[in-house]
Amino acid sequence: MLAHRQPRVFTTLPTFHFSALRRTPPLNPLRVFETVARTNNLTAAAHELHVTQSAVSRQIAVLEAYLGVELLRRERHGVSLTRVGQAYAAQVMPAFAAIQAATEALLQDTSDGALRLRTYTTFAAKWLIPRLPDFQADGLGLEVRISTGVPDVDFDRDPVDLAIQFGDGHWPNAQVDFLFSDHIEPVCSPRFLAQHAPERQHPESLLRQRLLEAHYRRNDWAQWLALNELTDMTTQSARMSFNSSVLTLQAAVDGLGIAMGQPRLLTSELESGLLVRPFDGSRWGPLRSERAYYLLRPLHQRESPKINAFRDWLLKTVAALPPLAA
C-alpha cells in the first residue's frame, strides 16, 4: 500500500533586481578622494582637510577596497591618478562642486541681504515703523523688508527670517522672545468725549454710543466690559465693524465712535491728543489679556549677523519702554 503523500508546497520568493539598487560609497573616503584628485597632492589634501597625510592614504585605501579598483598610483615622487581614477574623478568632482554651490547659495540666502520680517499690519504701522529710523540710525545699513499677514508664520513655508506675533508664547517650531503684554481699554477722540460725556467723572455714558470693533479683535469689547461689569450698558449700543484694527482706530480718531485700543500701539495718537483714554483714572481699569507680543525665530537657525542685530535692537527698544499708566 502506498503511503499517503503530503502535497508539496511551493513558496514564491521575492525577486531582487540588484542592478536597481543605488550603490553609494562611504562619503568621507569619497570626499578625501575628491580633494586629492583636485589638488593632485596628498600633502595639500591633508592640509585642506586638517588631517595627517597617513589618514588621507587610509581613506583612499578604504574607497579602493569598496570599489575594487586602484584609484591612485603610488610613485616615487608622490601619487597620480590611474586611468580609472581619472575617469571617476571627472564625474565625482562636479558633484562635489554642485553640493558646495548649493550650500553657499542656501547660506547666503539666510545670512546676507535684507532682513525679512513678518508681522501684522496694525503692529507694523502703529509700533514698528515709527521706531525703525532708530534702527537705521545705528549705521548698520541693513535693509528691512516687512510683510504682513494674520495666520501664524511657518518658517518652512514663508520666506521670512523673523516674525512678530500675538499669542500665548507657545510656538513649537520657533525660538521665542517676549516683547510686551497686551493691555486694552476704550479710546476715542477728544471731540467725541466732550460731546457724549461732558461730565468727565462719568465716562460710562460713552458706552451708550457707537462701539467700533475690529474683526480680528472682536472679543476685546466683551472681555473688557465683563471685567468691569459694564456689559448691560451696551445692550442697546450701535456697533460698527472693520476688517482691521488700523481702520477701527482711524474711525475713532475721526469721531465715528469709541474703540477698544492698545495703548502700547497708540503712543503717537495719545501723545498728540488725537485719541484720549476716557476711562483713565476711573474705577474701570484696563484689561491685561493672557496673550502678548513675541519675536519668533526658526527653531533651528545658524547664527546670522543681521538677525542678531535686529533682535538685539528690538529687545533693547522694548526694555526702554515706559510702564503703562494705570
Protein backbone atom coordinates (compact mmCIF):
# COMPACT_ATOMS: atom_id res chain seq x y z
CA MET A 1 0.00 0.00 0.00
CA LEU A 2 1.42 3.31 -0.99
CA ALA A 3 2.00 5.85 1.77
CA HIS A 4 -0.14 8.94 1.66
CA ARG A 5 1.86 11.69 0.11
CA GLN A 6 1.80 15.16 1.57
CA PRO A 7 1.11 17.83 -1.05
CA ARG A 8 4.18 19.81 -2.00
CA VAL A 9 4.01 23.48 -1.07
CA PHE A 10 5.89 25.97 -3.22
CA THR A 11 6.74 29.32 -1.72
CA THR A 12 7.29 32.20 -4.09
CA LEU A 13 10.31 34.22 -3.00
CA PRO A 14 10.62 37.88 -3.94
CA THR A 15 12.90 38.63 -6.83
CA PHE A 16 15.56 41.24 -6.14
CA HIS A 17 16.93 43.27 -9.01
CA PHE A 18 20.33 44.18 -7.66
CA SER A 19 21.07 46.35 -10.65
CA ALA A 20 18.37 48.76 -9.47
CA LEU A 21 19.95 49.31 -6.06
CA ARG A 22 21.76 52.58 -5.58
CA ARG A 23 25.36 51.92 -4.63
CA THR A 24 26.88 54.87 -2.81
CA PRO A 25 30.42 54.60 -1.49
CA PRO A 26 31.29 55.81 2.03
CA LEU A 27 31.13 59.58 1.78
CA ASN A 28 34.13 60.54 3.89
CA PRO A 29 36.60 58.49 1.80
CA LEU A 30 34.89 59.85 -1.31
CA ARG A 31 35.42 63.41 -0.10
CA VAL A 32 39.07 62.66 0.58
CA PHE A 33 39.46 61.24 -2.92
CA GLU A 34 37.85 64.33 -4.46
CA THR A 35 40.25 66.56 -2.54
CA VAL A 36 43.29 64.52 -3.60
CA ALA A 37 42.13 64.49 -7.23
CA ARG A 38 41.50 68.24 -7.18
CA THR A 39 44.79 69.17 -5.50
CA ASN A 40 46.79 66.35 -7.14
CA ASN A 41 48.81 66.16 -3.95
CA LEU A 42 48.48 64.14 -0.74
CA THR A 43 50.12 66.80 1.41
CA ALA A 44 47.91 69.58 0.05
CA ALA A 45 44.82 67.41 0.50
CA ALA A 46 45.77 66.62 4.09
CA HIS A 47 46.27 70.33 4.81
CA GLU A 48 42.88 71.26 3.36
CA LEU A 49 41.11 68.50 5.28
CA HIS A 50 43.01 69.22 8.51
CA VAL A 51 44.20 65.62 8.86
CA THR A 52 47.52 63.82 8.52
CA GLN A 53 48.84 62.52 5.22
CA SER A 54 48.65 58.96 6.52
CA ALA A 55 44.96 59.49 7.33
CA VAL A 56 44.40 60.58 3.74
CA SER A 57 46.12 57.43 2.47
CA ARG A 58 43.97 55.24 4.72
CA GLN A 59 40.76 56.82 3.46
CA ILE A 60 41.82 56.32 -0.15
CA ALA A 61 42.56 52.65 0.65
CA VAL A 62 39.05 52.27 2.12
CA LEU A 63 37.48 53.68 -1.05
CA GLU A 64 39.63 51.48 -3.30
CA ALA A 65 38.64 48.40 -1.27
CA TYR A 66 34.97 49.29 -1.61
CA LEU A 67 35.18 49.89 -5.37
CA GLY A 68 37.61 47.06 -6.04
CA VAL A 69 39.83 49.21 -8.24
CA GLU A 70 43.05 51.18 -7.89
CA LEU A 71 42.43 54.90 -7.98
CA LEU A 72 45.87 56.25 -7.15
CA ARG A 73 49.26 55.13 -8.30
CA ARG A 74 51.90 55.49 -5.57
CA GLU A 75 55.05 56.70 -7.19
CA ARG A 76 58.46 57.68 -6.01
CA HIS A 77 57.79 61.41 -6.06
CA GLY A 78 54.14 61.31 -5.00
CA VAL A 79 50.89 59.98 -6.39
CA SER A 80 48.96 60.21 -9.62
CA LEU A 81 45.51 59.15 -10.71
CA THR A 82 45.19 55.88 -12.56
CA ARG A 83 43.18 55.83 -15.76
CA VAL A 84 40.16 54.54 -13.79
CA GLY A 85 40.81 57.14 -11.09
CA GLN A 86 40.85 59.96 -13.68
CA ALA A 87 37.53 58.82 -15.15
CA TYR A 88 35.96 58.52 -11.69
CA ALA A 89 37.28 61.90 -10.57
CA ALA A 90 35.88 63.57 -13.70
CA GLN A 91 32.37 62.66 -12.52
CA VAL A 92 32.82 62.96 -8.77
CA MET A 93 34.41 66.43 -8.73
CA PRO A 94 31.48 68.24 -10.45
CA ALA A 95 29.11 66.57 -7.97
CA PHE A 96 31.04 67.99 -5.01
CA ALA A 97 31.22 71.38 -6.71
CA ALA A 98 27.44 71.35 -7.13
CA ILE A 99 26.96 70.48 -3.44
CA GLN A 100 29.27 73.31 -2.44
CA ALA A 101 27.46 75.80 -4.69
CA ALA A 102 24.05 74.74 -3.35
CA THR A 103 25.26 75.09 0.23
CA GLU A 104 26.75 78.53 -0.38
CA ALA A 105 23.55 79.70 -2.05
CA LEU A 106 21.45 78.48 0.88
CA LEU A 107 23.69 80.13 3.48
CA GLN A 108 23.85 83.37 1.51
CA ASP A 109 20.06 83.45 1.27
CA THR A 110 19.69 83.13 5.05
CA SER A 111 22.68 85.24 6.12
CA ASP A 112 23.08 88.02 3.59
CA GLY A 113 20.78 90.56 2.01
CA ALA A 114 17.75 92.25 3.50
CA LEU A 115 16.17 91.20 6.78
CA ARG A 116 12.73 89.77 6.06
CA LEU A 117 10.21 90.38 8.83
CA ARG A 118 6.60 89.24 9.06
CA THR A 119 4.06 90.87 11.39
CA TYR A 120 0.56 92.35 11.48
CA THR A 121 -0.48 95.49 9.63
CA THR A 122 -1.52 97.29 12.81
CA PHE A 123 1.65 96.41 14.71
CA ALA A 124 3.82 97.47 11.77
CA ALA A 125 2.00 100.76 11.21
CA LYS A 126 1.44 101.80 14.82
CA TRP A 127 4.51 100.49 16.65
CA LEU A 128 7.33 99.15 14.50
CA ILE A 129 7.63 101.55 11.56
CA PRO A 130 7.70 104.71 13.73
CA ARG A 131 10.72 103.23 15.56
CA LEU A 132 12.62 101.87 12.56
CA PRO A 133 14.52 105.15 11.97
CA ASP A 134 16.28 104.49 15.28
CA PHE A 135 17.41 101.11 13.98
CA GLN A 136 18.61 102.61 10.71
CA ALA A 137 20.46 105.33 12.65
CA ASP A 138 22.69 102.71 14.22
CA GLY A 139 24.66 102.77 10.98
CA LEU A 140 24.26 99.08 10.17
CA GLY A 141 23.00 99.81 6.67
CA LEU A 142 20.64 96.84 6.92
CA GLU A 143 17.56 96.83 4.73
CA VAL A 144 14.37 95.65 6.44
CA ARG A 145 11.56 94.21 4.33
CA ILE A 146 8.23 93.98 6.15
CA SER A 147 5.41 91.72 5.05
CA THR A 148 2.09 91.44 6.84
CA GLY A 149 -0.29 88.60 7.49
CA VAL A 150 -2.64 87.27 10.15
CA PRO A 151 -2.05 83.48 10.05
CA ASP A 152 0.77 82.12 12.20
CA VAL A 153 4.13 82.15 10.47
CA ASP A 154 5.56 78.92 9.08
CA PHE A 155 9.29 79.40 8.59
CA ASP A 156 9.42 76.42 6.25
CA ARG A 157 6.70 77.88 4.05
CA ASP A 158 7.09 81.63 4.44
CA PRO A 159 10.25 83.33 3.09
CA VAL A 160 10.98 85.34 6.24
CA ASP A 161 13.78 85.49 8.81
CA LEU A 162 11.79 86.74 11.79
CA ALA A 163 8.18 87.28 12.80
CA ILE A 164 6.42 89.35 15.44
CA GLN A 165 3.25 87.60 16.51
CA PHE A 166 0.48 87.80 19.07
CA GLY A 167 -0.32 84.77 21.16
CA ASP A 168 0.29 82.73 24.29
CA GLY A 169 4.02 82.28 23.68
CA HIS A 170 3.85 78.65 22.57
CA TRP A 171 5.09 78.07 19.04
CA PRO A 172 6.73 74.60 18.96
CA ASN A 173 8.82 75.25 15.84
CA ALA A 174 10.21 78.64 16.85
CA GLN A 175 12.52 80.31 19.33
CA VAL A 176 10.52 82.93 21.20
CA ASP A 177 11.37 86.26 22.85
CA PHE A 178 8.71 88.04 24.91
CA LEU A 179 8.16 91.66 23.86
CA PHE A 180 5.27 93.11 25.83
CA SER A 181 1.86 92.23 27.23
CA ASP A 182 -1.45 93.15 25.68
CA HIS A 183 -3.34 95.90 27.53
CA ILE A 184 -6.68 97.08 26.15
CA GLU A 185 -9.05 99.89 27.10
CA PRO A 186 -11.51 102.22 25.33
CA VAL A 187 -10.18 105.17 23.31
CA CYS A 188 -11.94 107.93 21.44
CA SER A 189 -11.34 111.40 20.03
CA PRO A 190 -11.40 114.40 22.40
CA ARG A 191 -14.35 115.82 20.46
CA PHE A 192 -16.31 112.59 20.83
CA LEU A 193 -15.60 112.58 24.56
CA ALA A 194 -16.69 116.19 25.02
CA GLN A 195 -19.88 115.59 23.02
CA HIS A 196 -21.05 112.37 24.67
CA ALA A 197 -19.50 112.53 28.15
CA PRO A 198 -19.36 116.20 29.11
CA GLU A 199 -19.15 115.22 32.77
CA ARG A 200 -15.63 113.81 32.94
CA GLN A 201 -16.39 111.79 36.07
CA HIS A 202 -18.99 109.74 34.18
CA PRO A 203 -17.22 108.32 31.09
CA GLU A 204 -19.53 105.28 31.15
CA SER A 205 -22.10 107.30 29.23
CA LEU A 206 -19.85 106.81 26.17
CA LEU A 207 -20.78 103.14 26.16
CA ARG A 208 -24.29 104.00 25.00
CA GLN A 209 -22.79 105.42 21.81
CA ARG A 210 -21.45 103.58 18.79
CA LEU A 211 -18.88 100.89 19.62
CA LEU A 212 -16.20 100.37 16.99
CA GLU A 213 -14.96 96.79 16.54
CA ALA A 214 -12.01 95.21 14.71
CA HIS A 215 -12.69 91.86 13.04
CA TYR A 216 -9.62 90.08 14.40
CA ARG A 217 -10.13 91.53 17.89
CA ARG A 218 -13.88 91.24 18.08
CA ASN A 219 -13.81 89.77 21.62
CA ASP A 220 -11.99 92.76 23.14
CA TRP A 221 -15.14 94.68 23.95
CA ALA A 222 -16.88 91.72 25.57
CA GLN A 223 -13.86 90.92 27.73
CA TRP A 224 -13.31 94.49 28.91
CA LEU A 225 -17.00 95.05 29.62
CA ALA A 226 -17.22 91.80 31.58
CA LEU A 227 -14.11 92.67 33.63
CA ASN A 228 -15.62 96.00 34.63
CA GLU A 229 -19.23 94.75 34.97
CA LEU A 230 -20.48 97.16 32.31
CA THR A 231 -21.94 94.72 29.79
CA ASP A 232 -25.54 95.73 30.48
CA MET A 233 -24.82 99.31 29.46
CA THR A 234 -24.09 98.31 25.87
CA THR A 235 -27.12 96.15 25.10
CA GLN A 236 -28.69 98.93 23.02
CA SER A 237 -25.47 100.42 21.66
CA ALA A 238 -24.91 100.60 17.92
CA ARG A 239 -21.85 98.82 16.56
CA MET A 240 -19.63 99.30 13.53
CA SER A 241 -17.12 96.63 12.45
CA PHE A 242 -13.94 96.95 10.39
CA ASN A 243 -11.70 94.26 8.96
CA SER A 244 -8.55 95.66 10.57
CA SER A 245 -7.56 97.42 13.78
CA VAL A 246 -5.92 100.20 11.75
CA LEU A 247 -9.27 101.16 10.23
CA THR A 248 -11.04 100.82 13.57
CA LEU A 249 -8.63 103.20 15.27
CA GLN A 250 -8.81 105.67 12.40
CA ALA A 251 -12.57 105.65 12.75
CA ALA A 252 -12.12 106.54 16.42
CA VAL A 253 -9.76 109.39 15.51
CA ASP A 254 -12.39 110.71 13.11
CA GLY A 255 -15.11 110.64 15.76
CA LEU A 256 -17.24 107.78 14.46
CA GLY A 257 -17.42 106.14 17.86
CA ILE A 258 -15.40 104.67 20.70
CA ALA A 259 -12.95 101.85 20.03
CA MET A 260 -11.08 99.32 22.08
CA GLY A 261 -7.42 100.28 21.79
CA GLN A 262 -4.00 99.08 22.84
CA PRO A 263 -2.05 101.94 24.45
CA ARG A 264 1.27 100.28 23.55
CA LEU A 265 0.39 100.71 19.89
CA LEU A 266 -1.09 104.19 20.23
CA THR A 267 1.80 106.21 21.65
CA SER A 268 1.73 108.77 18.86
CA GLU A 269 -2.06 109.26 18.88
CA LEU A 270 -2.24 109.56 22.68
CA GLU A 271 0.73 111.93 22.97
CA SER A 272 -0.56 114.16 20.16
CA GLY A 273 -4.10 114.22 21.53
CA LEU A 274 -5.72 112.59 18.52
CA LEU A 275 -7.06 109.98 20.92
CA VAL A 276 -7.76 110.01 24.64
CA ARG A 277 -8.32 107.30 27.25
CA PRO A 278 -11.70 108.33 28.68
CA PHE A 279 -11.62 105.74 31.49
CA ASP A 280 -8.09 106.65 32.60
CA GLY A 281 -8.11 107.23 36.36
CA SER A 282 -11.63 105.92 36.80
CA ARG A 283 -12.66 102.83 38.71
CA TRP A 284 -12.95 100.98 35.41
CA GLY A 285 -9.46 99.89 34.55
CA PRO A 286 -7.68 98.43 31.52
CA LEU A 287 -7.67 94.73 30.79
CA ARG A 288 -4.39 92.83 30.57
CA SER A 289 -5.08 89.82 28.39
CA GLU A 290 -3.38 86.44 28.70
CA ARG A 291 -1.73 86.93 25.32
CA ALA A 292 1.22 89.10 24.37
CA TYR A 293 3.53 90.08 21.52
CA TYR A 294 6.56 87.89 20.81
CA LEU A 295 9.51 87.83 18.44
CA LEU A 296 9.81 84.49 16.66
CA ARG A 297 12.87 82.90 15.05
CA PRO A 298 13.19 79.48 13.38
CA LEU A 299 13.89 76.76 15.93
CA HIS A 300 16.96 75.57 14.04
CA GLN A 301 18.82 78.60 12.78
CA ARG A 302 22.51 79.27 12.37
CA GLU A 303 23.92 82.49 13.73
CA SER A 304 23.19 85.42 11.43
CA PRO A 305 24.58 88.94 11.99
CA LYS A 306 21.52 90.62 10.51
CA ILE A 307 19.11 88.64 12.68
CA ASN A 308 21.18 89.15 15.82
CA ALA A 309 21.45 92.90 15.14
CA PHE A 310 17.71 93.37 14.71
CA ARG A 311 16.83 91.15 17.66
CA ASP A 312 19.26 92.98 19.95
CA TRP A 313 17.87 96.36 18.88
CA LEU A 314 14.25 95.26 19.27
CA LEU A 315 14.74 93.81 22.76
CA LYS A 316 16.68 96.91 23.82
CA THR A 317 13.89 99.15 22.49
CA VAL A 318 11.22 97.16 24.31
CA ALA A 319 13.20 97.22 27.56
CA ALA A 320 13.31 101.03 27.41
CA LEU A 321 9.52 101.42 27.06
CA PRO A 322 7.95 103.35 29.92
CA PRO A 323 5.45 101.46 32.07
CA LEU A 324 1.84 101.82 31.06
CA ALA A 325 -0.20 104.25 33.14
CA ALA A 326 -2.77 102.57 35.29
